[in-house]
Amino acid sequence: MKKHLAALAAMAACGAVSAQSSVTVFGVVDVAVSSVTNKAELVYTDPLLAIAFDPAVWLLPHSVKASRTELRNSGLSSSRLGFRGVEDLGGGLSAGFWLEAPITNDDGATGVSTFSRRSTVSLSGAFGEIRLGRDNTPVKTSDDTFDPFGATGIGGSLIAAAYSHSRNSNMVQYFLPRNLGGFYGNVAYGFSEKTSYSPLGPYERDSDAGRYFGARFGYV
C-alpha cells in the first residue's frame, strides 16, 4: 500500500511540474499572387519656364506606367516562425522566452537563421513585466495596435515605413500590469553598447550612438 501511495505521489509531483511550464511553436505562412500598376502624370505648371530652364523635359513622355506581377510573401501578415515558453515560478511570478524569425516562403531563401523579429526573455508578476532583448519599440507597438494594416502589404502604414526604429536590440522594457482599469503602457531603453573613451579622441566615435529610448501610455 505504501509503495502504491509513493508511486501516486510521484506521479502527482510530475504532473504538477509539467503543468507549470509550456512551450508553443507558432507561425504564419502568407503567400499571394499580386499585380500592381502605378501611373505617374507629368504636369507642367509653367511650360515657358520649363523650356527656359530645361528644354529636355518636353522630350520626356507625359506619363510613365510601372507594372509588376509576382508571387509575394507576407501580403496580409508577415510570414514567421517562432517559439515561446512560460515557466511558472510560484508566488505569482512567471518567466518566459520568445524567439521569432522571419521566413520567405515564396522562395525559401530565408529560414530560421535569425530571430530578428523578436528575441526576448521576461519576468512577469503582479508588478507587470520586465522584458529583455530585441523587440518591437513602443512606437511600433502602438502603430500595430491601432493601424488596421500595420506595416504589411499595399496598405502598410507610412508611419512604420518612415520610422527607422521599428524594432530595437539590447532593450530593457517595463510593461504596466493589465489590471489597471484600462490604462496601459511601457517604457523601453536600448543600450548603445559602444566603448566609452575619456577624453574622446579624434578617431573614436560618440559612445551614445545607437542608444534608444521610447515609451507609450494610453487608456482603452
N, C-alpha and C. Protein backbone atom coordinates (compact mmCIF):
# COMPACT_ATOMS: atom_id res chain seq x y z
N MET A 1 0.83 -1.19 0.00
CA MET A 1 0.00 0.00 0.00
C MET A 1 0.87 1.25 0.00
N LYS A 2 1.95 1.21 0.82
CA LYS A 2 2.85 2.35 0.89
C LYS A 2 3.51 2.60 -0.46
N LYS A 3 3.87 1.48 -1.17
CA LYS A 3 4.50 1.63 -2.48
C LYS A 3 3.55 2.30 -3.46
N HIS A 4 2.26 1.90 -3.42
CA HIS A 4 1.27 2.50 -4.32
C HIS A 4 1.09 3.98 -4.01
N LEU A 5 1.05 4.32 -2.71
CA LEU A 5 0.90 5.72 -2.34
C LEU A 5 2.12 6.54 -2.78
N ALA A 6 3.31 5.96 -2.65
CA ALA A 6 4.52 6.65 -3.07
C ALA A 6 4.52 6.87 -4.58
N ALA A 7 4.07 5.85 -5.34
CA ALA A 7 4.01 5.97 -6.79
C ALA A 7 3.02 7.05 -7.21
N LEU A 8 1.85 7.08 -6.54
CA LEU A 8 0.85 8.09 -6.85
C LEU A 8 1.36 9.49 -6.52
N ALA A 9 2.06 9.60 -5.41
CA ALA A 9 2.63 10.89 -5.02
C ALA A 9 3.66 11.37 -6.06
N ALA A 10 4.49 10.43 -6.53
CA ALA A 10 5.50 10.76 -7.54
C ALA A 10 4.84 11.21 -8.84
N MET A 11 3.74 10.48 -9.24
CA MET A 11 3.03 10.85 -10.45
C MET A 11 2.39 12.22 -10.30
N ALA A 12 1.84 12.52 -9.13
CA ALA A 12 1.22 13.82 -8.89
C ALA A 12 2.26 14.93 -8.96
N ALA A 13 3.45 14.64 -8.39
CA ALA A 13 4.51 15.64 -8.42
C ALA A 13 4.96 15.91 -9.85
N CYS A 14 5.10 14.84 -10.65
CA CYS A 14 5.49 15.00 -12.05
C CYS A 14 4.43 15.79 -12.81
N GLY A 15 3.17 15.50 -12.53
CA GLY A 15 2.09 16.22 -13.19
C GLY A 15 2.10 17.69 -12.83
N ALA A 16 2.40 18.01 -11.56
CA ALA A 16 2.44 19.41 -11.13
C ALA A 16 3.58 20.15 -11.81
N VAL A 17 4.73 19.49 -11.94
CA VAL A 17 5.88 20.11 -12.59
C VAL A 17 5.59 20.38 -14.06
N SER A 18 5.01 19.39 -14.75
CA SER A 18 4.75 19.56 -16.18
C SER A 18 3.69 20.61 -16.42
N ALA A 19 2.78 20.81 -15.47
CA ALA A 19 1.71 21.80 -15.65
C ALA A 19 2.23 23.21 -15.44
N GLN A 20 3.41 23.35 -14.86
CA GLN A 20 3.93 24.67 -14.55
C GLN A 20 4.63 25.33 -15.73
N SER A 21 4.95 24.59 -16.77
CA SER A 21 5.66 25.17 -17.90
C SER A 21 4.99 24.75 -19.21
N SER A 22 5.16 25.59 -20.23
CA SER A 22 4.60 25.28 -21.54
C SER A 22 5.46 25.92 -22.61
N VAL A 23 5.61 25.24 -23.73
CA VAL A 23 6.33 25.74 -24.89
C VAL A 23 5.42 25.63 -26.10
N THR A 24 5.34 26.70 -26.88
CA THR A 24 4.44 26.75 -28.03
C THR A 24 5.24 27.06 -29.29
N VAL A 25 4.99 26.31 -30.34
CA VAL A 25 5.52 26.61 -31.67
C VAL A 25 4.41 27.32 -32.46
N PHE A 26 4.69 28.46 -33.03
CA PHE A 26 3.67 29.23 -33.73
C PHE A 26 4.24 29.83 -35.01
N GLY A 27 3.37 30.33 -35.85
CA GLY A 27 3.87 30.97 -37.07
C GLY A 27 2.76 31.34 -38.02
N VAL A 28 3.16 31.99 -39.10
CA VAL A 28 2.27 32.40 -40.18
C VAL A 28 2.98 32.12 -41.50
N VAL A 29 2.26 31.47 -42.43
CA VAL A 29 2.77 31.28 -43.78
C VAL A 29 1.81 32.00 -44.72
N ASP A 30 2.23 33.14 -45.24
CA ASP A 30 1.38 34.00 -46.05
C ASP A 30 2.00 34.15 -47.44
N VAL A 31 1.27 33.76 -48.46
CA VAL A 31 1.77 33.90 -49.83
C VAL A 31 0.61 34.29 -50.73
N ALA A 32 0.86 35.13 -51.71
CA ALA A 32 -0.22 35.61 -52.58
C ALA A 32 0.37 36.01 -53.94
N VAL A 33 -0.48 35.94 -54.96
CA VAL A 33 -0.13 36.48 -56.27
C VAL A 33 -0.64 37.92 -56.31
N SER A 34 0.24 38.86 -56.54
CA SER A 34 -0.16 40.26 -56.56
C SER A 34 0.25 40.91 -57.89
N SER A 35 -0.58 41.83 -58.34
CA SER A 35 -0.30 42.59 -59.55
C SER A 35 -0.60 44.05 -59.26
N VAL A 36 0.41 44.89 -59.39
CA VAL A 36 0.28 46.30 -59.06
C VAL A 36 0.72 47.15 -60.25
N THR A 37 -0.07 48.18 -60.55
CA THR A 37 0.25 49.12 -61.61
C THR A 37 0.19 50.54 -61.07
N ASN A 38 1.24 51.29 -61.28
CA ASN A 38 1.29 52.69 -60.89
C ASN A 38 1.51 53.55 -62.13
N LYS A 39 0.83 54.69 -62.19
CA LYS A 39 0.99 55.60 -63.31
C LYS A 39 1.25 57.00 -62.80
N ALA A 40 2.29 57.64 -63.33
CA ALA A 40 2.66 59.00 -62.94
C ALA A 40 2.44 59.93 -64.12
N GLU A 41 1.71 61.01 -63.89
CA GLU A 41 1.46 62.02 -64.91
C GLU A 41 2.38 63.22 -64.65
N LEU A 42 3.08 63.66 -65.71
CA LEU A 42 3.94 64.83 -65.60
C LEU A 42 3.12 66.07 -65.92
N VAL A 43 3.05 66.99 -64.97
CA VAL A 43 2.26 68.21 -65.14
C VAL A 43 3.21 69.41 -65.13
N TYR A 44 3.13 70.26 -66.18
CA TYR A 44 3.96 71.45 -66.26
C TYR A 44 3.10 72.65 -65.86
N THR A 45 3.36 73.20 -64.69
CA THR A 45 2.57 74.34 -64.24
C THR A 45 2.92 75.61 -65.01
N ASP A 46 4.14 75.69 -65.50
CA ASP A 46 4.57 76.84 -66.29
C ASP A 46 5.44 76.35 -67.43
N PRO A 47 4.83 75.98 -68.60
CA PRO A 47 5.60 75.39 -69.71
C PRO A 47 6.73 76.29 -70.19
N LEU A 48 6.52 77.62 -70.25
CA LEU A 48 7.56 78.52 -70.73
C LEU A 48 8.76 78.50 -69.81
N LEU A 49 8.50 78.49 -68.52
CA LEU A 49 9.58 78.44 -67.55
C LEU A 49 10.32 77.10 -67.65
N ALA A 50 9.57 76.01 -67.88
CA ALA A 50 10.20 74.70 -68.02
C ALA A 50 11.12 74.65 -69.22
N ILE A 51 10.68 75.23 -70.34
CA ILE A 51 11.51 75.25 -71.54
C ILE A 51 12.76 76.09 -71.31
N ALA A 52 12.58 77.23 -70.63
CA ALA A 52 13.71 78.12 -70.40
C ALA A 52 14.81 77.46 -69.58
N PHE A 53 14.41 76.70 -68.55
CA PHE A 53 15.41 76.10 -67.66
C PHE A 53 15.83 74.70 -68.08
N ASP A 54 14.94 73.96 -68.71
CA ASP A 54 15.27 72.58 -69.08
C ASP A 54 14.43 72.17 -70.30
N PRO A 55 14.87 72.52 -71.47
CA PRO A 55 14.10 72.16 -72.68
C PRO A 55 13.92 70.66 -72.86
N ALA A 56 14.79 69.87 -72.22
CA ALA A 56 14.71 68.41 -72.41
C ALA A 56 13.44 67.82 -71.82
N VAL A 57 12.75 68.55 -70.94
CA VAL A 57 11.55 67.97 -70.33
C VAL A 57 10.47 67.69 -71.36
N TRP A 58 10.49 68.44 -72.47
CA TRP A 58 9.45 68.21 -73.49
C TRP A 58 9.74 66.96 -74.31
N LEU A 59 10.97 66.45 -74.21
CA LEU A 59 11.30 65.21 -74.90
C LEU A 59 10.90 63.98 -74.10
N LEU A 60 10.56 64.17 -72.84
CA LEU A 60 10.16 63.05 -71.99
C LEU A 60 8.69 62.72 -72.20
N PRO A 61 8.29 61.46 -71.96
CA PRO A 61 6.86 61.12 -72.05
C PRO A 61 6.08 61.83 -70.96
N HIS A 62 4.82 62.16 -71.26
CA HIS A 62 4.00 62.88 -70.29
C HIS A 62 3.45 61.96 -69.21
N SER A 63 3.58 60.68 -69.36
CA SER A 63 3.16 59.75 -68.32
C SER A 63 4.06 58.52 -68.33
N VAL A 64 4.27 57.97 -67.16
CA VAL A 64 5.10 56.77 -67.01
C VAL A 64 4.31 55.74 -66.21
N LYS A 65 4.22 54.53 -66.73
CA LYS A 65 3.49 53.46 -66.04
C LYS A 65 4.45 52.35 -65.66
N ALA A 66 4.34 51.90 -64.43
CA ALA A 66 5.17 50.80 -63.93
C ALA A 66 4.25 49.69 -63.43
N SER A 67 4.49 48.46 -63.90
CA SER A 67 3.66 47.32 -63.51
C SER A 67 4.55 46.18 -63.02
N ARG A 68 4.00 45.41 -62.08
CA ARG A 68 4.75 44.26 -61.55
C ARG A 68 3.77 43.20 -61.08
N THR A 69 4.00 41.97 -61.54
CA THR A 69 3.22 40.82 -61.09
C THR A 69 4.17 39.83 -60.46
N GLU A 70 3.82 39.35 -59.27
CA GLU A 70 4.75 38.48 -58.56
C GLU A 70 4.01 37.55 -57.60
N LEU A 71 4.71 36.49 -57.24
CA LEU A 71 4.28 35.64 -56.13
C LEU A 71 5.01 36.18 -54.92
N ARG A 72 4.27 36.83 -54.04
CA ARG A 72 4.92 37.52 -52.93
C ARG A 72 4.58 36.90 -51.59
N ASN A 73 5.52 37.03 -50.71
CA ASN A 73 5.35 36.53 -49.36
C ASN A 73 4.95 37.71 -48.46
N SER A 74 4.14 37.42 -47.45
CA SER A 74 3.69 38.43 -46.48
C SER A 74 2.83 39.50 -47.13
N GLY A 75 1.79 39.07 -47.84
CA GLY A 75 0.88 40.03 -48.44
C GLY A 75 -0.10 40.61 -47.45
N LEU A 76 -0.56 39.82 -46.50
CA LEU A 76 -1.52 40.28 -45.49
C LEU A 76 -0.91 40.29 -44.10
N SER A 77 -0.16 39.24 -43.77
CA SER A 77 0.53 39.15 -42.48
C SER A 77 1.97 38.73 -42.74
N SER A 78 2.85 39.17 -41.89
CA SER A 78 4.27 38.84 -42.05
C SER A 78 4.49 37.35 -41.78
N SER A 79 5.08 36.66 -42.74
CA SER A 79 5.39 35.24 -42.55
C SER A 79 6.48 35.09 -41.49
N ARG A 80 6.29 34.12 -40.58
CA ARG A 80 7.20 33.99 -39.45
C ARG A 80 7.12 32.59 -38.86
N LEU A 81 8.12 32.24 -38.10
CA LEU A 81 8.14 31.00 -37.33
C LEU A 81 8.75 31.31 -35.98
N GLY A 82 8.06 30.87 -34.91
CA GLY A 82 8.56 31.24 -33.59
C GLY A 82 8.35 30.18 -32.54
N PHE A 83 9.02 30.39 -31.43
CA PHE A 83 8.93 29.51 -30.27
C PHE A 83 8.80 30.39 -29.02
N ARG A 84 7.83 30.10 -28.19
CA ARG A 84 7.68 30.85 -26.95
C ARG A 84 7.34 29.88 -25.82
N GLY A 85 7.77 30.25 -24.63
CA GLY A 85 7.54 29.39 -23.48
C GLY A 85 7.33 30.19 -22.22
N VAL A 86 6.61 29.59 -21.27
CA VAL A 86 6.33 30.21 -19.98
C VAL A 86 6.60 29.19 -18.89
N GLU A 87 7.25 29.63 -17.83
CA GLU A 87 7.54 28.77 -16.68
C GLU A 87 6.98 29.43 -15.42
N ASP A 88 6.09 28.72 -14.74
CA ASP A 88 5.51 29.22 -13.50
C ASP A 88 6.54 29.08 -12.38
N LEU A 89 6.93 30.21 -11.78
CA LEU A 89 7.93 30.20 -10.71
C LEU A 89 7.31 30.15 -9.33
N GLY A 90 5.99 30.24 -9.27
CA GLY A 90 5.32 30.26 -7.97
C GLY A 90 5.25 31.66 -7.41
N GLY A 91 4.33 31.86 -6.48
CA GLY A 91 4.21 33.18 -5.86
C GLY A 91 3.72 34.25 -6.81
N GLY A 92 3.03 33.86 -7.86
CA GLY A 92 2.53 34.83 -8.84
C GLY A 92 3.54 35.28 -9.86
N LEU A 93 4.74 34.69 -9.87
CA LEU A 93 5.79 35.05 -10.82
C LEU A 93 5.89 34.01 -11.93
N SER A 94 6.23 34.46 -13.11
CA SER A 94 6.46 33.53 -14.22
C SER A 94 7.58 34.09 -15.10
N ALA A 95 8.38 33.18 -15.65
CA ALA A 95 9.46 33.54 -16.55
C ALA A 95 9.09 33.07 -17.95
N GLY A 96 9.53 33.80 -18.95
CA GLY A 96 9.18 33.42 -20.31
C GLY A 96 10.28 33.76 -21.29
N PHE A 97 10.20 33.13 -22.46
CA PHE A 97 11.09 33.47 -23.57
C PHE A 97 10.27 33.52 -24.85
N TRP A 98 10.79 34.25 -25.84
CA TRP A 98 10.10 34.40 -27.13
C TRP A 98 11.16 34.55 -28.20
N LEU A 99 11.21 33.61 -29.13
CA LEU A 99 12.13 33.65 -30.27
C LEU A 99 11.31 33.61 -31.54
N GLU A 100 11.42 34.64 -32.37
CA GLU A 100 10.57 34.74 -33.57
C GLU A 100 11.42 35.13 -34.78
N ALA A 101 11.35 34.32 -35.83
CA ALA A 101 12.19 34.53 -37.01
C ALA A 101 11.34 34.84 -38.24
N PRO A 102 11.80 35.74 -39.11
CA PRO A 102 11.09 35.96 -40.38
C PRO A 102 11.41 34.84 -41.37
N ILE A 103 10.45 34.49 -42.21
CA ILE A 103 10.67 33.48 -43.25
C ILE A 103 10.15 34.01 -44.58
N THR A 104 10.80 33.61 -45.66
CA THR A 104 10.32 33.96 -47.00
C THR A 104 9.87 32.67 -47.67
N ASN A 105 8.59 32.37 -47.52
CA ASN A 105 8.07 31.10 -48.02
C ASN A 105 7.88 31.10 -49.52
N ASP A 106 7.99 32.23 -50.20
CA ASP A 106 7.82 32.24 -51.65
C ASP A 106 9.04 31.66 -52.36
N ASP A 107 10.24 31.85 -51.76
CA ASP A 107 11.44 31.29 -52.38
C ASP A 107 12.26 30.42 -51.44
N GLY A 108 11.89 30.41 -50.15
CA GLY A 108 12.61 29.58 -49.18
C GLY A 108 14.01 30.06 -48.86
N ALA A 109 14.35 31.27 -49.28
CA ALA A 109 15.72 31.74 -49.08
C ALA A 109 16.02 32.10 -47.63
N THR A 110 15.01 32.55 -46.91
CA THR A 110 15.21 32.94 -45.52
C THR A 110 14.45 31.99 -44.61
N GLY A 111 15.17 31.30 -43.76
CA GLY A 111 14.54 30.39 -42.80
C GLY A 111 14.85 30.84 -41.39
N VAL A 112 14.91 29.89 -40.47
CA VAL A 112 15.18 30.24 -39.08
C VAL A 112 16.69 30.40 -38.89
N SER A 113 17.23 31.42 -39.54
CA SER A 113 18.65 31.71 -39.42
C SER A 113 18.91 32.88 -38.49
N THR A 114 17.86 33.65 -38.21
CA THR A 114 17.99 34.79 -37.32
C THR A 114 16.64 35.07 -36.66
N PHE A 115 16.65 35.34 -35.39
CA PHE A 115 15.42 35.67 -34.67
C PHE A 115 15.30 37.19 -34.57
N SER A 116 15.35 37.85 -35.74
CA SER A 116 15.40 39.31 -35.77
C SER A 116 14.05 39.96 -35.50
N ARG A 117 12.95 39.20 -35.58
CA ARG A 117 11.65 39.79 -35.25
C ARG A 117 11.49 39.99 -33.75
N ARG A 118 11.89 38.99 -33.00
CA ARG A 118 11.86 39.12 -31.54
C ARG A 118 12.75 38.07 -30.91
N SER A 119 13.49 38.46 -29.91
CA SER A 119 14.34 37.55 -29.16
C SER A 119 14.43 38.08 -27.73
N THR A 120 13.54 37.59 -26.85
CA THR A 120 13.43 38.16 -25.51
C THR A 120 13.31 37.09 -24.43
N VAL A 121 13.68 37.48 -23.22
CA VAL A 121 13.35 36.74 -22.01
C VAL A 121 12.64 37.73 -21.10
N SER A 122 11.76 37.23 -20.22
CA SER A 122 10.95 38.14 -19.41
C SER A 122 10.63 37.55 -18.05
N LEU A 123 10.27 38.45 -17.14
CA LEU A 123 9.80 38.09 -15.81
C LEU A 123 8.51 38.86 -15.58
N SER A 124 7.41 38.12 -15.25
CA SER A 124 6.09 38.74 -15.10
C SER A 124 5.52 38.43 -13.73
N GLY A 125 4.68 39.34 -13.27
CA GLY A 125 4.01 39.16 -11.99
C GLY A 125 2.98 40.25 -11.79
N ALA A 126 2.53 40.42 -10.55
CA ALA A 126 1.54 41.45 -10.25
C ALA A 126 2.08 42.85 -10.52
N PHE A 127 3.40 43.01 -10.53
CA PHE A 127 4.03 44.31 -10.76
C PHE A 127 4.01 44.70 -12.23
N GLY A 128 3.75 43.74 -13.14
CA GLY A 128 3.83 43.97 -14.57
C GLY A 128 4.80 43.01 -15.21
N GLU A 129 5.57 43.48 -16.18
CA GLU A 129 6.53 42.61 -16.89
C GLU A 129 7.81 43.37 -17.16
N ILE A 130 8.92 42.70 -16.92
CA ILE A 130 10.24 43.18 -17.33
C ILE A 130 10.71 42.29 -18.47
N ARG A 131 11.06 42.90 -19.58
CA ARG A 131 11.40 42.13 -20.79
C ARG A 131 12.76 42.60 -21.30
N LEU A 132 13.63 41.65 -21.63
CA LEU A 132 14.98 41.94 -22.08
C LEU A 132 15.23 41.34 -23.46
N GLY A 133 15.88 42.14 -24.35
CA GLY A 133 16.26 41.60 -25.65
C GLY A 133 15.76 42.45 -26.80
N ARG A 134 15.74 41.85 -27.99
CA ARG A 134 15.27 42.54 -29.20
C ARG A 134 13.76 42.39 -29.33
N ASP A 135 13.09 43.53 -29.59
CA ASP A 135 11.63 43.52 -29.61
C ASP A 135 11.12 44.73 -30.38
N ASN A 136 9.79 44.79 -30.57
CA ASN A 136 9.17 45.99 -31.11
C ASN A 136 9.40 47.16 -30.18
N THR A 137 9.58 48.34 -30.76
CA THR A 137 9.66 49.54 -29.94
C THR A 137 8.25 49.97 -29.54
N PRO A 138 8.10 50.81 -28.52
CA PRO A 138 6.77 51.28 -28.13
C PRO A 138 6.01 51.95 -29.27
N VAL A 139 6.72 52.70 -30.13
CA VAL A 139 6.05 53.37 -31.25
C VAL A 139 5.46 52.34 -32.21
N LYS A 140 6.23 51.30 -32.54
CA LYS A 140 5.72 50.28 -33.46
C LYS A 140 4.57 49.50 -32.82
N THR A 141 4.65 49.25 -31.53
CA THR A 141 3.57 48.54 -30.84
C THR A 141 2.27 49.32 -30.95
N SER A 142 2.32 50.63 -30.75
CA SER A 142 1.12 51.46 -30.87
C SER A 142 0.61 51.47 -32.30
N ASP A 143 1.53 51.56 -33.25
CA ASP A 143 1.13 51.58 -34.66
C ASP A 143 0.47 50.26 -35.05
N ASP A 144 1.02 49.13 -34.60
CA ASP A 144 0.42 47.83 -34.90
C ASP A 144 -0.94 47.67 -34.25
N THR A 145 -1.13 48.28 -33.07
CA THR A 145 -2.38 48.15 -32.34
C THR A 145 -3.52 48.91 -33.01
N PHE A 146 -3.23 50.12 -33.51
CA PHE A 146 -4.32 50.98 -33.97
C PHE A 146 -4.42 51.11 -35.48
N ASP A 147 -3.38 50.75 -36.23
CA ASP A 147 -3.46 50.82 -37.68
C ASP A 147 -4.00 49.50 -38.22
N PRO A 148 -5.09 49.51 -39.02
CA PRO A 148 -5.69 48.25 -39.46
C PRO A 148 -4.77 47.42 -40.35
N PHE A 149 -3.82 48.05 -41.03
CA PHE A 149 -2.93 47.30 -41.93
C PHE A 149 -1.56 47.06 -41.31
N GLY A 150 -1.24 47.76 -40.23
CA GLY A 150 0.09 47.61 -39.66
C GLY A 150 1.15 48.07 -40.65
N ALA A 151 2.19 47.30 -40.79
CA ALA A 151 3.28 47.67 -41.70
C ALA A 151 3.38 46.72 -42.88
N THR A 152 2.31 45.95 -43.15
CA THR A 152 2.38 44.87 -44.13
C THR A 152 1.50 45.15 -45.33
N GLY A 153 2.00 44.79 -46.51
CA GLY A 153 1.19 44.84 -47.72
C GLY A 153 1.04 46.23 -48.30
N ILE A 154 0.15 46.36 -49.30
CA ILE A 154 -0.05 47.61 -50.01
C ILE A 154 -0.55 48.70 -49.07
N GLY A 155 -1.38 48.30 -48.09
CA GLY A 155 -1.92 49.28 -47.16
C GLY A 155 -1.02 49.54 -45.98
N GLY A 156 0.23 49.15 -46.06
CA GLY A 156 1.16 49.30 -44.94
C GLY A 156 1.27 50.73 -44.46
N SER A 157 1.40 50.91 -43.18
CA SER A 157 1.44 52.22 -42.56
C SER A 157 2.65 53.02 -43.02
N LEU A 158 2.40 54.27 -43.41
CA LEU A 158 3.51 55.14 -43.79
C LEU A 158 4.36 55.50 -42.58
N ILE A 159 3.74 55.50 -41.40
CA ILE A 159 4.49 55.78 -40.18
C ILE A 159 5.54 54.70 -39.96
N ALA A 160 5.10 53.44 -40.12
CA ALA A 160 6.03 52.33 -39.92
C ALA A 160 7.12 52.33 -40.98
N ALA A 161 6.75 52.70 -42.22
CA ALA A 161 7.74 52.70 -43.30
C ALA A 161 8.80 53.78 -43.08
N ALA A 162 8.39 54.90 -42.49
CA ALA A 162 9.32 56.01 -42.30
C ALA A 162 10.09 55.91 -40.98
N TYR A 163 9.61 55.07 -40.09
CA TYR A 163 10.20 55.00 -38.76
C TYR A 163 11.33 53.98 -38.76
N SER A 164 12.55 54.44 -38.48
CA SER A 164 13.71 53.56 -38.60
C SER A 164 13.83 52.60 -37.43
N HIS A 165 13.25 52.95 -36.28
CA HIS A 165 13.40 52.10 -35.10
C HIS A 165 12.13 51.30 -34.85
N SER A 166 11.70 50.52 -35.84
CA SER A 166 10.51 49.70 -35.62
C SER A 166 10.81 48.58 -34.62
N ARG A 167 12.02 48.05 -34.67
CA ARG A 167 12.50 47.09 -33.67
C ARG A 167 13.87 47.54 -33.22
N ASN A 168 14.18 47.20 -32.00
CA ASN A 168 15.48 47.62 -31.48
C ASN A 168 16.10 46.49 -30.66
N SER A 169 17.41 46.42 -30.69
CA SER A 169 18.13 45.38 -29.95
C SER A 169 18.59 45.92 -28.60
N ASN A 170 19.01 45.01 -27.74
CA ASN A 170 19.62 45.36 -26.44
C ASN A 170 18.70 46.22 -25.58
N MET A 171 17.39 45.93 -25.62
CA MET A 171 16.43 46.75 -24.89
C MET A 171 16.07 46.14 -23.54
N VAL A 172 15.84 47.02 -22.59
CA VAL A 172 15.21 46.68 -21.32
C VAL A 172 13.86 47.39 -21.30
N GLN A 173 12.77 46.62 -21.14
CA GLN A 173 11.44 47.20 -21.17
C GLN A 173 10.67 46.87 -19.90
N TYR A 174 9.81 47.80 -19.52
CA TYR A 174 8.88 47.56 -18.42
C TYR A 174 7.46 47.81 -18.93
N PHE A 175 6.56 46.84 -18.69
CA PHE A 175 5.16 46.93 -19.08
C PHE A 175 4.29 47.01 -17.83
N LEU A 176 3.34 47.91 -17.85
CA LEU A 176 2.40 48.01 -16.74
C LEU A 176 1.55 46.74 -16.64
N PRO A 177 1.09 46.37 -15.46
CA PRO A 177 0.19 45.21 -15.34
C PRO A 177 -1.14 45.48 -16.04
N ARG A 178 -1.87 44.41 -16.33
CA ARG A 178 -3.09 44.52 -17.12
C ARG A 178 -4.33 44.83 -16.29
N ASN A 179 -4.21 44.93 -15.00
CA ASN A 179 -5.38 45.12 -14.14
C ASN A 179 -5.49 46.55 -13.63
N LEU A 180 -5.20 47.53 -14.48
CA LEU A 180 -5.23 48.92 -14.08
C LEU A 180 -6.47 49.64 -14.61
N GLY A 181 -7.54 48.93 -14.83
CA GLY A 181 -8.79 49.55 -15.24
C GLY A 181 -8.76 50.17 -16.62
N GLY A 182 -7.98 49.62 -17.52
CA GLY A 182 -7.94 50.13 -18.89
C GLY A 182 -6.69 50.90 -19.23
N PHE A 183 -5.90 51.30 -18.24
CA PHE A 183 -4.66 52.00 -18.52
C PHE A 183 -3.57 51.00 -18.92
N TYR A 184 -2.76 51.39 -19.89
CA TYR A 184 -1.68 50.51 -20.34
C TYR A 184 -0.47 51.37 -20.67
N GLY A 185 0.68 50.73 -20.81
CA GLY A 185 1.87 51.47 -21.21
C GLY A 185 3.13 50.67 -20.98
N ASN A 186 4.20 51.13 -21.59
CA ASN A 186 5.51 50.53 -21.36
C ASN A 186 6.60 51.54 -21.68
N VAL A 187 7.75 51.31 -21.07
CA VAL A 187 8.94 52.15 -21.25
C VAL A 187 10.07 51.25 -21.72
N ALA A 188 10.86 51.75 -22.69
CA ALA A 188 11.95 50.94 -23.24
C ALA A 188 13.23 51.76 -23.30
N TYR A 189 14.33 51.09 -22.98
CA TYR A 189 15.65 51.70 -23.11
C TYR A 189 16.57 50.71 -23.81
N GLY A 190 17.20 51.15 -24.90
CA GLY A 190 18.13 50.31 -25.65
C GLY A 190 19.56 50.79 -25.47
N PHE A 191 20.43 49.89 -25.05
CA PHE A 191 21.83 50.25 -24.83
C PHE A 191 22.54 50.47 -26.17
N SER A 192 23.43 51.43 -26.19
CA SER A 192 24.21 51.67 -27.41
C SER A 192 25.30 50.63 -27.58
N GLU A 193 25.77 50.09 -26.46
CA GLU A 193 26.84 49.08 -26.45
C GLU A 193 28.07 49.55 -27.23
N LYS A 194 28.43 50.79 -27.00
CA LYS A 194 29.64 51.35 -27.59
C LYS A 194 30.68 51.56 -26.48
N THR A 195 31.93 51.42 -26.84
CA THR A 195 33.01 51.63 -25.88
C THR A 195 33.16 53.12 -25.58
N SER A 196 33.28 53.46 -24.31
CA SER A 196 33.44 54.85 -23.90
C SER A 196 34.92 55.19 -23.81
N TYR A 197 35.28 56.40 -24.27
CA TYR A 197 36.65 56.89 -24.19
C TYR A 197 36.64 58.22 -23.44
N SER A 198 37.62 58.39 -22.59
CA SER A 198 37.71 59.65 -21.86
C SER A 198 39.19 60.06 -21.76
N PRO A 199 39.58 61.15 -22.39
CA PRO A 199 38.75 62.01 -23.24
C PRO A 199 38.51 61.37 -24.61
N LEU A 200 37.51 61.90 -25.33
CA LEU A 200 37.17 61.38 -26.65
C LEU A 200 38.19 61.86 -27.66
N GLY A 201 38.91 60.93 -28.28
CA GLY A 201 39.94 61.29 -29.24
C GLY A 201 39.38 61.54 -30.63
N PRO A 202 40.24 61.93 -31.56
CA PRO A 202 39.77 62.26 -32.92
C PRO A 202 39.31 61.05 -33.71
N TYR A 203 39.68 59.83 -33.30
CA TYR A 203 39.33 58.65 -34.06
C TYR A 203 38.25 57.80 -33.39
N GLU A 204 37.79 58.21 -32.22
CA GLU A 204 36.74 57.47 -31.54
C GLU A 204 35.38 58.10 -31.83
N ARG A 205 34.37 57.24 -31.93
CA ARG A 205 33.01 57.72 -32.19
C ARG A 205 32.29 57.98 -30.87
N ASP A 206 31.22 58.75 -30.95
CA ASP A 206 30.40 59.05 -29.78
C ASP A 206 29.88 57.75 -29.19
N SER A 207 30.11 57.54 -27.90
CA SER A 207 29.73 56.27 -27.27
C SER A 207 28.23 56.12 -27.12
N ASP A 208 27.45 57.20 -27.29
CA ASP A 208 26.00 57.12 -27.16
C ASP A 208 25.30 56.82 -28.49
N ALA A 209 26.05 56.72 -29.57
CA ALA A 209 25.44 56.45 -30.87
C ALA A 209 24.73 55.10 -30.85
N GLY A 210 23.49 55.08 -31.29
CA GLY A 210 22.71 53.85 -31.30
C GLY A 210 21.86 53.64 -30.08
N ARG A 211 21.95 54.52 -29.09
CA ARG A 211 21.13 54.39 -27.88
C ARG A 211 19.68 54.72 -28.22
N TYR A 212 18.76 54.03 -27.56
CA TYR A 212 17.33 54.23 -27.86
C TYR A 212 16.54 54.43 -26.57
N PHE A 213 15.55 55.31 -26.63
CA PHE A 213 14.60 55.46 -25.54
C PHE A 213 13.21 55.72 -26.12
N GLY A 214 12.21 55.03 -25.59
CA GLY A 214 10.85 55.23 -26.06
C GLY A 214 9.85 54.81 -25.01
N ALA A 215 8.62 55.33 -25.12
CA ALA A 215 7.57 55.00 -24.16
C ALA A 215 6.21 55.20 -24.79
N ARG A 216 5.21 54.55 -24.25
CA ARG A 216 3.82 54.76 -24.67
C ARG A 216 2.92 54.56 -23.46
N PHE A 217 1.86 55.36 -23.41
CA PHE A 217 0.87 55.24 -22.35
C PHE A 217 -0.49 55.54 -22.95
N GLY A 218 -1.52 54.85 -22.50
CA GLY A 218 -2.84 55.09 -23.04
C GLY A 218 -3.93 54.48 -22.18
N TYR A 219 -5.16 54.66 -22.65
CA TYR A 219 -6.33 54.13 -21.95
C TYR A 219 -7.29 53.55 -22.97
N VAL A 220 -7.77 52.35 -22.71
CA VAL A 220 -8.74 51.68 -23.59
C VAL A 220 -9.97 51.38 -22.75
